[in-house]
Amino acid sequence: TTGQPKGVIRHTAGQLVALNWTMK
């Protein structure tokens, strides 16, 4: 993206729970 970029953010707790669940 040129111009104003889209900054996707990730919240800490949700990321921890979801990623840990996906690994197995």
PDBML (XML) file of the C-alpha atoms, coordinates in Angstrom:
<?xml version="1.0" encoding="UTF-8" ?>
<PDBx:datablock datablockName="MODEL"
   xmlns:PDBx="http://pdbml.pdb.org/schema/pdbx-v50.xsd"
   xmlns:xsi="http://www.w3.org/2001/XMLSchema-instance"
   xsi:schemaLocation="http://pdbml.pdb.org/schema/pdbx-v50.xsd pdbx-v50.xsd">
   <PDBx:atom_siteCategory>
      <PDBx:atom_site id="1">
         <PDBx:B_iso_or_equiv>0.00</PDBx:B_iso_or_equiv>
         <PDBx:Cartn_x>0.000</PDBx:Cartn_x>
         <PDBx:Cartn_y>0.000</PDBx:Cartn_y>
         <PDBx:Cartn_z>0.000</PDBx:Cartn_z>
         <PDBx:auth_asym_id>A</PDBx:auth_asym_id>
         <PDBx:auth_atom_id>CA</PDBx:auth_atom_id>
         <PDBx:auth_comp_id>THR</PDBx:auth_comp_id>
         <PDBx:auth_seq_id>1</PDBx:auth_seq_id>
         <PDBx:group_PDB>ATOM</PDBx:group_PDB>
         <PDBx:label_alt_id xsi:nil="true" />
         <PDBx:label_asym_id>A</PDBx:label_asym_id>
         <PDBx:label_atom_id>CA</PDBx:label_atom_id>
         <PDBx:label_comp_id>THR</PDBx:label_comp_id>
         <PDBx:label_entity_id>1</PDBx:label_entity_id>
         <PDBx:label_seq_id>1</PDBx:label_seq_id>
         <PDBx:occupancy>1.00</PDBx:occupancy>
         <PDBx:pdbx_PDB_model_num>1</PDBx:pdbx_PDB_model_num>
         <PDBx:type_symbol>C</PDBx:type_symbol>
      </PDBx:atom_site>
      <PDBx:atom_site id="2">
         <PDBx:B_iso_or_equiv>0.00</PDBx:B_iso_or_equiv>
         <PDBx:Cartn_x>1.263</PDBx:Cartn_x>
         <PDBx:Cartn_y>3.461</PDBx:Cartn_y>
         <PDBx:Cartn_z>-0.775</PDBx:Cartn_z>
         <PDBx:auth_asym_id>A</PDBx:auth_asym_id>
         <PDBx:auth_atom_id>CA</PDBx:auth_atom_id>
         <PDBx:auth_comp_id>THR</PDBx:auth_comp_id>
         <PDBx:auth_seq_id>2</PDBx:auth_seq_id>
         <PDBx:group_PDB>ATOM</PDBx:group_PDB>
         <PDBx:label_alt_id xsi:nil="true" />
         <PDBx:label_asym_id>A</PDBx:label_asym_id>
         <PDBx:label_atom_id>CA</PDBx:label_atom_id>
         <PDBx:label_comp_id>THR</PDBx:label_comp_id>
         <PDBx:label_entity_id>1</PDBx:label_entity_id>
         <PDBx:label_seq_id>2</PDBx:label_seq_id>
         <PDBx:occupancy>1.00</PDBx:occupancy>
         <PDBx:pdbx_PDB_model_num>1</PDBx:pdbx_PDB_model_num>
         <PDBx:type_symbol>C</PDBx:type_symbol>
      </PDBx:atom_site>
      <PDBx:atom_site id="3">
         <PDBx:B_iso_or_equiv>0.00</PDBx:B_iso_or_equiv>
         <PDBx:Cartn_x>-0.257</PDBx:Cartn_x>
         <PDBx:Cartn_y>6.517</PDBx:Cartn_y>
         <PDBx:Cartn_z>0.839</PDBx:Cartn_z>
         <PDBx:auth_asym_id>A</PDBx:auth_asym_id>
         <PDBx:auth_atom_id>CA</PDBx:auth_atom_id>
         <PDBx:auth_comp_id>GLY</PDBx:auth_comp_id>
         <PDBx:auth_seq_id>3</PDBx:auth_seq_id>
         <PDBx:group_PDB>ATOM</PDBx:group_PDB>
         <PDBx:label_alt_id xsi:nil="true" />
         <PDBx:label_asym_id>A</PDBx:label_asym_id>
         <PDBx:label_atom_id>CA</PDBx:label_atom_id>
         <PDBx:label_comp_id>GLY</PDBx:label_comp_id>
         <PDBx:label_entity_id>1</PDBx:label_entity_id>
         <PDBx:label_seq_id>3</PDBx:label_seq_id>
         <PDBx:occupancy>1.00</PDBx:occupancy>
         <PDBx:pdbx_PDB_model_num>1</PDBx:pdbx_PDB_model_num>
         <PDBx:type_symbol>C</PDBx:type_symbol>
      </PDBx:atom_site>
      <PDBx:atom_site id="4">
         <PDBx:B_iso_or_equiv>0.00</PDBx:B_iso_or_equiv>
         <PDBx:Cartn_x>-1.632</PDBx:Cartn_x>
         <PDBx:Cartn_y>5.694</PDBx:Cartn_y>
         <PDBx:Cartn_z>4.280</PDBx:Cartn_z>
         <PDBx:auth_asym_id>A</PDBx:auth_asym_id>
         <PDBx:auth_atom_id>CA</PDBx:auth_atom_id>
         <PDBx:auth_comp_id>GLN</PDBx:auth_comp_id>
         <PDBx:auth_seq_id>4</PDBx:auth_seq_id>
         <PDBx:group_PDB>ATOM</PDBx:group_PDB>
         <PDBx:label_alt_id xsi:nil="true" />
         <PDBx:label_asym_id>A</PDBx:label_asym_id>
         <PDBx:label_atom_id>CA</PDBx:label_atom_id>
         <PDBx:label_comp_id>GLN</PDBx:label_comp_id>
         <PDBx:label_entity_id>1</PDBx:label_entity_id>
         <PDBx:label_seq_id>4</PDBx:label_seq_id>
         <PDBx:occupancy>1.00</PDBx:occupancy>
         <PDBx:pdbx_PDB_model_num>1</PDBx:pdbx_PDB_model_num>
         <PDBx:type_symbol>C</PDBx:type_symbol>
      </PDBx:atom_site>
      <PDBx:atom_site id="5">
         <PDBx:B_iso_or_equiv>0.00</PDBx:B_iso_or_equiv>
         <PDBx:Cartn_x>-0.660</PDBx:Cartn_x>
         <PDBx:Cartn_y>2.101</PDBx:Cartn_y>
         <PDBx:Cartn_z>5.165</PDBx:Cartn_z>
         <PDBx:auth_asym_id>A</PDBx:auth_asym_id>
         <PDBx:auth_atom_id>CA</PDBx:auth_atom_id>
         <PDBx:auth_comp_id>PRO</PDBx:auth_comp_id>
         <PDBx:auth_seq_id>5</PDBx:auth_seq_id>
         <PDBx:group_PDB>ATOM</PDBx:group_PDB>
         <PDBx:label_alt_id xsi:nil="true" />
         <PDBx:label_asym_id>A</PDBx:label_asym_id>
         <PDBx:label_atom_id>CA</PDBx:label_atom_id>
         <PDBx:label_comp_id>PRO</PDBx:label_comp_id>
         <PDBx:label_entity_id>1</PDBx:label_entity_id>
         <PDBx:label_seq_id>5</PDBx:label_seq_id>
         <PDBx:occupancy>1.00</PDBx:occupancy>
         <PDBx:pdbx_PDB_model_num>1</PDBx:pdbx_PDB_model_num>
         <PDBx:type_symbol>C</PDBx:type_symbol>
      </PDBx:atom_site>
      <PDBx:atom_site id="6">
         <PDBx:B_iso_or_equiv>0.00</PDBx:B_iso_or_equiv>
         <PDBx:Cartn_x>-3.022</PDBx:Cartn_x>
         <PDBx:Cartn_y>-0.247</PDBx:Cartn_y>
         <PDBx:Cartn_z>7.004</PDBx:Cartn_z>
         <PDBx:auth_asym_id>A</PDBx:auth_asym_id>
         <PDBx:auth_atom_id>CA</PDBx:auth_atom_id>
         <PDBx:auth_comp_id>LYS</PDBx:auth_comp_id>
         <PDBx:auth_seq_id>6</PDBx:auth_seq_id>
         <PDBx:group_PDB>ATOM</PDBx:group_PDB>
         <PDBx:label_alt_id xsi:nil="true" />
         <PDBx:label_asym_id>A</PDBx:label_asym_id>
         <PDBx:label_atom_id>CA</PDBx:label_atom_id>
         <PDBx:label_comp_id>LYS</PDBx:label_comp_id>
         <PDBx:label_entity_id>1</PDBx:label_entity_id>
         <PDBx:label_seq_id>6</PDBx:label_seq_id>
         <PDBx:occupancy>1.00</PDBx:occupancy>
         <PDBx:pdbx_PDB_model_num>1</PDBx:pdbx_PDB_model_num>
         <PDBx:type_symbol>C</PDBx:type_symbol>
      </PDBx:atom_site>
      <PDBx:atom_site id="7">
         <PDBx:B_iso_or_equiv>0.00</PDBx:B_iso_or_equiv>
         <PDBx:Cartn_x>-1.498</PDBx:Cartn_x>
         <PDBx:Cartn_y>-1.185</PDBx:Cartn_y>
         <PDBx:Cartn_z>10.361</PDBx:Cartn_z>
         <PDBx:auth_asym_id>A</PDBx:auth_asym_id>
         <PDBx:auth_atom_id>CA</PDBx:auth_atom_id>
         <PDBx:auth_comp_id>GLY</PDBx:auth_comp_id>
         <PDBx:auth_seq_id>7</PDBx:auth_seq_id>
         <PDBx:group_PDB>ATOM</PDBx:group_PDB>
         <PDBx:label_alt_id xsi:nil="true" />
         <PDBx:label_asym_id>A</PDBx:label_asym_id>
         <PDBx:label_atom_id>CA</PDBx:label_atom_id>
         <PDBx:label_comp_id>GLY</PDBx:label_comp_id>
         <PDBx:label_entity_id>1</PDBx:label_entity_id>
         <PDBx:label_seq_id>7</PDBx:label_seq_id>
         <PDBx:occupancy>1.00</PDBx:occupancy>
         <PDBx:pdbx_PDB_model_num>1</PDBx:pdbx_PDB_model_num>
         <PDBx:type_symbol>C</PDBx:type_symbol>
      </PDBx:atom_site>
      <PDBx:atom_site id="8">
         <PDBx:B_iso_or_equiv>0.00</PDBx:B_iso_or_equiv>
         <PDBx:Cartn_x>-2.999</PDBx:Cartn_x>
         <PDBx:Cartn_y>-4.477</PDBx:Cartn_y>
         <PDBx:Cartn_z>11.474</PDBx:Cartn_z>
         <PDBx:auth_asym_id>A</PDBx:auth_asym_id>
         <PDBx:auth_atom_id>CA</PDBx:auth_atom_id>
         <PDBx:auth_comp_id>VAL</PDBx:auth_comp_id>
         <PDBx:auth_seq_id>8</PDBx:auth_seq_id>
         <PDBx:group_PDB>ATOM</PDBx:group_PDB>
         <PDBx:label_alt_id xsi:nil="true" />
         <PDBx:label_asym_id>A</PDBx:label_asym_id>
         <PDBx:label_atom_id>CA</PDBx:label_atom_id>
         <PDBx:label_comp_id>VAL</PDBx:label_comp_id>
         <PDBx:label_entity_id>1</PDBx:label_entity_id>
         <PDBx:label_seq_id>8</PDBx:label_seq_id>
         <PDBx:occupancy>1.00</PDBx:occupancy>
         <PDBx:pdbx_PDB_model_num>1</PDBx:pdbx_PDB_model_num>
         <PDBx:type_symbol>C</PDBx:type_symbol>
      </PDBx:atom_site>
      <PDBx:atom_site id="9">
         <PDBx:B_iso_or_equiv>0.00</PDBx:B_iso_or_equiv>
         <PDBx:Cartn_x>-2.692</PDBx:Cartn_x>
         <PDBx:Cartn_y>-4.851</PDBx:Cartn_y>
         <PDBx:Cartn_z>15.244</PDBx:Cartn_z>
         <PDBx:auth_asym_id>A</PDBx:auth_asym_id>
         <PDBx:auth_atom_id>CA</PDBx:auth_atom_id>
         <PDBx:auth_comp_id>ILE</PDBx:auth_comp_id>
         <PDBx:auth_seq_id>9</PDBx:auth_seq_id>
         <PDBx:group_PDB>ATOM</PDBx:group_PDB>
         <PDBx:label_alt_id xsi:nil="true" />
         <PDBx:label_asym_id>A</PDBx:label_asym_id>
         <PDBx:label_atom_id>CA</PDBx:label_atom_id>
         <PDBx:label_comp_id>ILE</PDBx:label_comp_id>
         <PDBx:label_entity_id>1</PDBx:label_entity_id>
         <PDBx:label_seq_id>9</PDBx:label_seq_id>
         <PDBx:occupancy>1.00</PDBx:occupancy>
         <PDBx:pdbx_PDB_model_num>1</PDBx:pdbx_PDB_model_num>
         <PDBx:type_symbol>C</PDBx:type_symbol>
      </PDBx:atom_site>
      <PDBx:atom_site id="10">
         <PDBx:B_iso_or_equiv>0.00</PDBx:B_iso_or_equiv>
         <PDBx:Cartn_x>-2.715</PDBx:Cartn_x>
         <PDBx:Cartn_y>-7.985</PDBx:Cartn_y>
         <PDBx:Cartn_z>17.342</PDBx:Cartn_z>
         <PDBx:auth_asym_id>A</PDBx:auth_asym_id>
         <PDBx:auth_atom_id>CA</PDBx:auth_atom_id>
         <PDBx:auth_comp_id>ARG</PDBx:auth_comp_id>
         <PDBx:auth_seq_id>10</PDBx:auth_seq_id>
         <PDBx:group_PDB>ATOM</PDBx:group_PDB>
         <PDBx:label_alt_id xsi:nil="true" />
         <PDBx:label_asym_id>A</PDBx:label_asym_id>
         <PDBx:label_atom_id>CA</PDBx:label_atom_id>
         <PDBx:label_comp_id>ARG</PDBx:label_comp_id>
         <PDBx:label_entity_id>1</PDBx:label_entity_id>
         <PDBx:label_seq_id>10</PDBx:label_seq_id>
         <PDBx:occupancy>1.00</PDBx:occupancy>
         <PDBx:pdbx_PDB_model_num>1</PDBx:pdbx_PDB_model_num>
         <PDBx:type_symbol>C</PDBx:type_symbol>
      </PDBx:atom_site>
      <PDBx:atom_site id="11">
         <PDBx:B_iso_or_equiv>0.00</PDBx:B_iso_or_equiv>
         <PDBx:Cartn_x>-3.775</PDBx:Cartn_x>
         <PDBx:Cartn_y>-8.013</PDBx:Cartn_y>
         <PDBx:Cartn_z>20.983</PDBx:Cartn_z>
         <PDBx:auth_asym_id>A</PDBx:auth_asym_id>
         <PDBx:auth_atom_id>CA</PDBx:auth_atom_id>
         <PDBx:auth_comp_id>HIS</PDBx:auth_comp_id>
         <PDBx:auth_seq_id>11</PDBx:auth_seq_id>
         <PDBx:group_PDB>ATOM</PDBx:group_PDB>
         <PDBx:label_alt_id xsi:nil="true" />
         <PDBx:label_asym_id>A</PDBx:label_asym_id>
         <PDBx:label_atom_id>CA</PDBx:label_atom_id>
         <PDBx:label_comp_id>HIS</PDBx:label_comp_id>
         <PDBx:label_entity_id>1</PDBx:label_entity_id>
         <PDBx:label_seq_id>11</PDBx:label_seq_id>
         <PDBx:occupancy>1.00</PDBx:occupancy>
         <PDBx:pdbx_PDB_model_num>1</PDBx:pdbx_PDB_model_num>
         <PDBx:type_symbol>C</PDBx:type_symbol>
      </PDBx:atom_site>
      <PDBx:atom_site id="12">
         <PDBx:B_iso_or_equiv>0.00</PDBx:B_iso_or_equiv>
         <PDBx:Cartn_x>-1.466</PDBx:Cartn_x>
         <PDBx:Cartn_y>-9.886</PDBx:Cartn_y>
         <PDBx:Cartn_z>23.352</PDBx:Cartn_z>
         <PDBx:auth_asym_id>A</PDBx:auth_asym_id>
         <PDBx:auth_atom_id>CA</PDBx:auth_atom_id>
         <PDBx:auth_comp_id>THR</PDBx:auth_comp_id>
         <PDBx:auth_seq_id>12</PDBx:auth_seq_id>
         <PDBx:group_PDB>ATOM</PDBx:group_PDB>
         <PDBx:label_alt_id xsi:nil="true" />
         <PDBx:label_asym_id>A</PDBx:label_asym_id>
         <PDBx:label_atom_id>CA</PDBx:label_atom_id>
         <PDBx:label_comp_id>THR</PDBx:label_comp_id>
         <PDBx:label_entity_id>1</PDBx:label_entity_id>
         <PDBx:label_seq_id>12</PDBx:label_seq_id>
         <PDBx:occupancy>1.00</PDBx:occupancy>
         <PDBx:pdbx_PDB_model_num>1</PDBx:pdbx_PDB_model_num>
         <PDBx:type_symbol>C</PDBx:type_symbol>
      </PDBx:atom_site>
      <PDBx:atom_site id="13">
         <PDBx:B_iso_or_equiv>0.00</PDBx:B_iso_or_equiv>
         <PDBx:Cartn_x>-3.761</PDBx:Cartn_x>
         <PDBx:Cartn_y>-12.378</PDBx:Cartn_y>
         <PDBx:Cartn_z>25.113</PDBx:Cartn_z>
         <PDBx:auth_asym_id>A</PDBx:auth_asym_id>
         <PDBx:auth_atom_id>CA</PDBx:auth_atom_id>
         <PDBx:auth_comp_id>ALA</PDBx:auth_comp_id>
         <PDBx:auth_seq_id>13</PDBx:auth_seq_id>
         <PDBx:group_PDB>ATOM</PDBx:group_PDB>
         <PDBx:label_alt_id xsi:nil="true" />
         <PDBx:label_asym_id>A</PDBx:label_asym_id>
         <PDBx:label_atom_id>CA</PDBx:label_atom_id>
         <PDBx:label_comp_id>ALA</PDBx:label_comp_id>
         <PDBx:label_entity_id>1</PDBx:label_entity_id>
         <PDBx:label_seq_id>13</PDBx:label_seq_id>
         <PDBx:occupancy>1.00</PDBx:occupancy>
         <PDBx:pdbx_PDB_model_num>1</PDBx:pdbx_PDB_model_num>
         <PDBx:type_symbol>C</PDBx:type_symbol>
      </PDBx:atom_site>
      <PDBx:atom_site id="14">
         <PDBx:B_iso_or_equiv>0.00</PDBx:B_iso_or_equiv>
         <PDBx:Cartn_x>-5.818</PDBx:Cartn_x>
         <PDBx:Cartn_y>-13.407</PDBx:Cartn_y>
         <PDBx:Cartn_z>22.096</PDBx:Cartn_z>
         <PDBx:auth_asym_id>A</PDBx:auth_asym_id>
         <PDBx:auth_atom_id>CA</PDBx:auth_atom_id>
         <PDBx:auth_comp_id>GLY</PDBx:auth_comp_id>
         <PDBx:auth_seq_id>14</PDBx:auth_seq_id>
         <PDBx:group_PDB>ATOM</PDBx:group_PDB>
         <PDBx:label_alt_id xsi:nil="true" />
         <PDBx:label_asym_id>A</PDBx:label_asym_id>
         <PDBx:label_atom_id>CA</PDBx:label_atom_id>
         <PDBx:label_comp_id>GLY</PDBx:label_comp_id>
         <PDBx:label_entity_id>1</PDBx:label_entity_id>
         <PDBx:label_seq_id>14</PDBx:label_seq_id>
         <PDBx:occupancy>1.00</PDBx:occupancy>
         <PDBx:pdbx_PDB_model_num>1</PDBx:pdbx_PDB_model_num>
         <PDBx:type_symbol>C</PDBx:type_symbol>
      </PDBx:atom_site>
      <PDBx:atom_site id="15">
         <PDBx:B_iso_or_equiv>0.00</PDBx:B_iso_or_equiv>
         <PDBx:Cartn_x>-2.673</PDBx:Cartn_x>
         <PDBx:Cartn_y>-14.037</PDBx:Cartn_y>
         <PDBx:Cartn_z>20.074</PDBx:Cartn_z>
         <PDBx:auth_asym_id>A</PDBx:auth_asym_id>
         <PDBx:auth_atom_id>CA</PDBx:auth_atom_id>
         <PDBx:auth_comp_id>GLN</PDBx:auth_comp_id>
         <PDBx:auth_seq_id>15</PDBx:auth_seq_id>
         <PDBx:group_PDB>ATOM</PDBx:group_PDB>
         <PDBx:label_alt_id xsi:nil="true" />
         <PDBx:label_asym_id>A</PDBx:label_asym_id>
         <PDBx:label_atom_id>CA</PDBx:label_atom_id>
         <PDBx:label_comp_id>GLN</PDBx:label_comp_id>
         <PDBx:label_entity_id>1</PDBx:label_entity_id>
         <PDBx:label_seq_id>15</PDBx:label_seq_id>
         <PDBx:occupancy>1.00</PDBx:occupancy>
         <PDBx:pdbx_PDB_model_num>1</PDBx:pdbx_PDB_model_num>
         <PDBx:type_symbol>C</PDBx:type_symbol>
      </PDBx:atom_site>
      <PDBx:atom_site id="16">
         <PDBx:B_iso_or_equiv>0.00</PDBx:B_iso_or_equiv>
         <PDBx:Cartn_x>-1.198</PDBx:Cartn_x>
         <PDBx:Cartn_y>-16.241</PDBx:Cartn_y>
         <PDBx:Cartn_z>22.816</PDBx:Cartn_z>
         <PDBx:auth_asym_id>A</PDBx:auth_asym_id>
         <PDBx:auth_atom_id>CA</PDBx:auth_atom_id>
         <PDBx:auth_comp_id>LEU</PDBx:auth_comp_id>
         <PDBx:auth_seq_id>16</PDBx:auth_seq_id>
         <PDBx:group_PDB>ATOM</PDBx:group_PDB>
         <PDBx:label_alt_id xsi:nil="true" />
         <PDBx:label_asym_id>A</PDBx:label_asym_id>
         <PDBx:label_atom_id>CA</PDBx:label_atom_id>
         <PDBx:label_comp_id>LEU</PDBx:label_comp_id>
         <PDBx:label_entity_id>1</PDBx:label_entity_id>
         <PDBx:label_seq_id>16</PDBx:label_seq_id>
         <PDBx:occupancy>1.00</PDBx:occupancy>
         <PDBx:pdbx_PDB_model_num>1</PDBx:pdbx_PDB_model_num>
         <PDBx:type_symbol>C</PDBx:type_symbol>
      </PDBx:atom_site>
      <PDBx:atom_site id="17">
         <PDBx:B_iso_or_equiv>0.00</PDBx:B_iso_or_equiv>
         <PDBx:Cartn_x>-4.325</PDBx:Cartn_x>
         <PDBx:Cartn_y>-18.379</PDBx:Cartn_y>
         <PDBx:Cartn_z>23.205</PDBx:Cartn_z>
         <PDBx:auth_asym_id>A</PDBx:auth_asym_id>
         <PDBx:auth_atom_id>CA</PDBx:auth_atom_id>
         <PDBx:auth_comp_id>VAL</PDBx:auth_comp_id>
         <PDBx:auth_seq_id>17</PDBx:auth_seq_id>
         <PDBx:group_PDB>ATOM</PDBx:group_PDB>
         <PDBx:label_alt_id xsi:nil="true" />
         <PDBx:label_asym_id>A</PDBx:label_asym_id>
         <PDBx:label_atom_id>CA</PDBx:label_atom_id>
         <PDBx:label_comp_id>VAL</PDBx:label_comp_id>
         <PDBx:label_entity_id>1</PDBx:label_entity_id>
         <PDBx:label_seq_id>17</PDBx:label_seq_id>
         <PDBx:occupancy>1.00</PDBx:occupancy>
         <PDBx:pdbx_PDB_model_num>1</PDBx:pdbx_PDB_model_num>
         <PDBx:type_symbol>C</PDBx:type_symbol>
      </PDBx:atom_site>
      <PDBx:atom_site id="18">
         <PDBx:B_iso_or_equiv>0.00</PDBx:B_iso_or_equiv>
         <PDBx:Cartn_x>-5.056</PDBx:Cartn_x>
         <PDBx:Cartn_y>-18.764</PDBx:Cartn_y>
         <PDBx:Cartn_z>19.479</PDBx:Cartn_z>
         <PDBx:auth_asym_id>A</PDBx:auth_asym_id>
         <PDBx:auth_atom_id>CA</PDBx:auth_atom_id>
         <PDBx:auth_comp_id>ALA</PDBx:auth_comp_id>
         <PDBx:auth_seq_id>18</PDBx:auth_seq_id>
         <PDBx:group_PDB>ATOM</PDBx:group_PDB>
         <PDBx:label_alt_id xsi:nil="true" />
         <PDBx:label_asym_id>A</PDBx:label_asym_id>
         <PDBx:label_atom_id>CA</PDBx:label_atom_id>
         <PDBx:label_comp_id>ALA</PDBx:label_comp_id>
         <PDBx:label_entity_id>1</PDBx:label_entity_id>
         <PDBx:label_seq_id>18</PDBx:label_seq_id>
         <PDBx:occupancy>1.00</PDBx:occupancy>
         <PDBx:pdbx_PDB_model_num>1</PDBx:pdbx_PDB_model_num>
         <PDBx:type_symbol>C</PDBx:type_symbol>
      </PDBx:atom_site>
      <PDBx:atom_site id="19">
         <PDBx:B_iso_or_equiv>0.00</PDBx:B_iso_or_equiv>
         <PDBx:Cartn_x>-1.517</PDBx:Cartn_x>
         <PDBx:Cartn_y>-19.532</PDBx:Cartn_y>
         <PDBx:Cartn_z>18.302</PDBx:Cartn_z>
         <PDBx:auth_asym_id>A</PDBx:auth_asym_id>
         <PDBx:auth_atom_id>CA</PDBx:auth_atom_id>
         <PDBx:auth_comp_id>LEU</PDBx:auth_comp_id>
         <PDBx:auth_seq_id>19</PDBx:auth_seq_id>
         <PDBx:group_PDB>ATOM</PDBx:group_PDB>
         <PDBx:label_alt_id xsi:nil="true" />
         <PDBx:label_asym_id>A</PDBx:label_asym_id>
         <PDBx:label_atom_id>CA</PDBx:label_atom_id>
         <PDBx:label_comp_id>LEU</PDBx:label_comp_id>
         <PDBx:label_entity_id>1</PDBx:label_entity_id>
         <PDBx:label_seq_id>19</PDBx:label_seq_id>
         <PDBx:occupancy>1.00</PDBx:occupancy>
         <PDBx:pdbx_PDB_model_num>1</PDBx:pdbx_PDB_model_num>
         <PDBx:type_symbol>C</PDBx:type_symbol>
      </PDBx:atom_site>
      <PDBx:atom_site id="20">
         <PDBx:B_iso_or_equiv>0.00</PDBx:B_iso_or_equiv>
         <PDBx:Cartn_x>-0.941</PDBx:Cartn_x>
         <PDBx:Cartn_y>-22.014</PDBx:Cartn_y>
         <PDBx:Cartn_z>21.101</PDBx:Cartn_z>
         <PDBx:auth_asym_id>A</PDBx:auth_asym_id>
         <PDBx:auth_atom_id>CA</PDBx:auth_atom_id>
         <PDBx:auth_comp_id>ASN</PDBx:auth_comp_id>
         <PDBx:auth_seq_id>20</PDBx:auth_seq_id>
         <PDBx:group_PDB>ATOM</PDBx:group_PDB>
         <PDBx:label_alt_id xsi:nil="true" />
         <PDBx:label_asym_id>A</PDBx:label_asym_id>
         <PDBx:label_atom_id>CA</PDBx:label_atom_id>
         <PDBx:label_comp_id>ASN</PDBx:label_comp_id>
         <PDBx:label_entity_id>1</PDBx:label_entity_id>
         <PDBx:label_seq_id>20</PDBx:label_seq_id>
         <PDBx:occupancy>1.00</PDBx:occupancy>
         <PDBx:pdbx_PDB_model_num>1</PDBx:pdbx_PDB_model_num>
         <PDBx:type_symbol>C</PDBx:type_symbol>
      </PDBx:atom_site>
      <PDBx:atom_site id="21">
         <PDBx:B_iso_or_equiv>0.00</PDBx:B_iso_or_equiv>
         <PDBx:Cartn_x>-4.197</PDBx:Cartn_x>
         <PDBx:Cartn_y>-23.793</PDBx:Cartn_y>
         <PDBx:Cartn_z>20.159</PDBx:Cartn_z>
         <PDBx:auth_asym_id>A</PDBx:auth_asym_id>
         <PDBx:auth_atom_id>CA</PDBx:auth_atom_id>
         <PDBx:auth_comp_id>TRP</PDBx:auth_comp_id>
         <PDBx:auth_seq_id>21</PDBx:auth_seq_id>
         <PDBx:group_PDB>ATOM</PDBx:group_PDB>
         <PDBx:label_alt_id xsi:nil="true" />
         <PDBx:label_asym_id>A</PDBx:label_asym_id>
         <PDBx:label_atom_id>CA</PDBx:label_atom_id>
         <PDBx:label_comp_id>TRP</PDBx:label_comp_id>
         <PDBx:label_entity_id>1</PDBx:label_entity_id>
         <PDBx:label_seq_id>21</PDBx:label_seq_id>
         <PDBx:occupancy>1.00</PDBx:occupancy>
         <PDBx:pdbx_PDB_model_num>1</PDBx:pdbx_PDB_model_num>
         <PDBx:type_symbol>C</PDBx:type_symbol>
      </PDBx:atom_site>
      <PDBx:atom_site id="22">
         <PDBx:B_iso_or_equiv>0.00</PDBx:B_iso_or_equiv>
         <PDBx:Cartn_x>-3.233</PDBx:Cartn_x>
         <PDBx:Cartn_y>-24.020</PDBx:Cartn_y>
         <PDBx:Cartn_z>16.466</PDBx:Cartn_z>
         <PDBx:auth_asym_id>A</PDBx:auth_asym_id>
         <PDBx:auth_atom_id>CA</PDBx:auth_atom_id>
         <PDBx:auth_comp_id>THR</PDBx:auth_comp_id>
         <PDBx:auth_seq_id>22</PDBx:auth_seq_id>
         <PDBx:group_PDB>ATOM</PDBx:group_PDB>
         <PDBx:label_alt_id xsi:nil="true" />
         <PDBx:label_asym_id>A</PDBx:label_asym_id>
         <PDBx:label_atom_id>CA</PDBx:label_atom_id>
         <PDBx:label_comp_id>THR</PDBx:label_comp_id>
         <PDBx:label_entity_id>1</PDBx:label_entity_id>
         <PDBx:label_seq_id>22</PDBx:label_seq_id>
         <PDBx:occupancy>1.00</PDBx:occupancy>
         <PDBx:pdbx_PDB_model_num>1</PDBx:pdbx_PDB_model_num>
         <PDBx:type_symbol>C</PDBx:type_symbol>
      </PDBx:atom_site>
      <PDBx:atom_site id="23">
         <PDBx:B_iso_or_equiv>0.00</PDBx:B_iso_or_equiv>
         <PDBx:Cartn_x>0.167</PDBx:Cartn_x>
         <PDBx:Cartn_y>-25.643</PDBx:Cartn_y>
         <PDBx:Cartn_z>16.978</PDBx:Cartn_z>
         <PDBx:auth_asym_id>A</PDBx:auth_asym_id>
         <PDBx:auth_atom_id>CA</PDBx:auth_atom_id>
         <PDBx:auth_comp_id>MET</PDBx:auth_comp_id>
         <PDBx:auth_seq_id>23</PDBx:auth_seq_id>
         <PDBx:group_PDB>ATOM</PDBx:group_PDB>
         <PDBx:label_alt_id xsi:nil="true" />
         <PDBx:label_asym_id>A</PDBx:label_asym_id>
         <PDBx:label_atom_id>CA</PDBx:label_atom_id>
         <PDBx:label_comp_id>MET</PDBx:label_comp_id>
         <PDBx:label_entity_id>1</PDBx:label_entity_id>
         <PDBx:label_seq_id>23</PDBx:label_seq_id>
         <PDBx:occupancy>1.00</PDBx:occupancy>
         <PDBx:pdbx_PDB_model_num>1</PDBx:pdbx_PDB_model_num>
         <PDBx:type_symbol>C</PDBx:type_symbol>
      </PDBx:atom_site>
      <PDBx:atom_site id="24">
         <PDBx:B_iso_or_equiv>0.00</PDBx:B_iso_or_equiv>
         <PDBx:Cartn_x>-1.334</PDBx:Cartn_x>
         <PDBx:Cartn_y>-28.967</PDBx:Cartn_y>
         <PDBx:Cartn_z>18.061</PDBx:Cartn_z>
         <PDBx:auth_asym_id>A</PDBx:auth_asym_id>
         <PDBx:auth_atom_id>CA</PDBx:auth_atom_id>
         <PDBx:auth_comp_id>LYS</PDBx:auth_comp_id>
         <PDBx:auth_seq_id>24</PDBx:auth_seq_id>
         <PDBx:group_PDB>ATOM</PDBx:group_PDB>
         <PDBx:label_alt_id xsi:nil="true" />
         <PDBx:label_asym_id>A</PDBx:label_asym_id>
         <PDBx:label_atom_id>CA</PDBx:label_atom_id>
         <PDBx:label_comp_id>LYS</PDBx:label_comp_id>
         <PDBx:label_entity_id>1</PDBx:label_entity_id>
         <PDBx:label_seq_id>24</PDBx:label_seq_id>
         <PDBx:occupancy>1.00</PDBx:occupancy>
         <PDBx:pdbx_PDB_model_num>1</PDBx:pdbx_PDB_model_num>
         <PDBx:type_symbol>C</PDBx:type_symbol>
      </PDBx:atom_site>
   </PDBx:atom_siteCategory>
</PDBx:datablock>
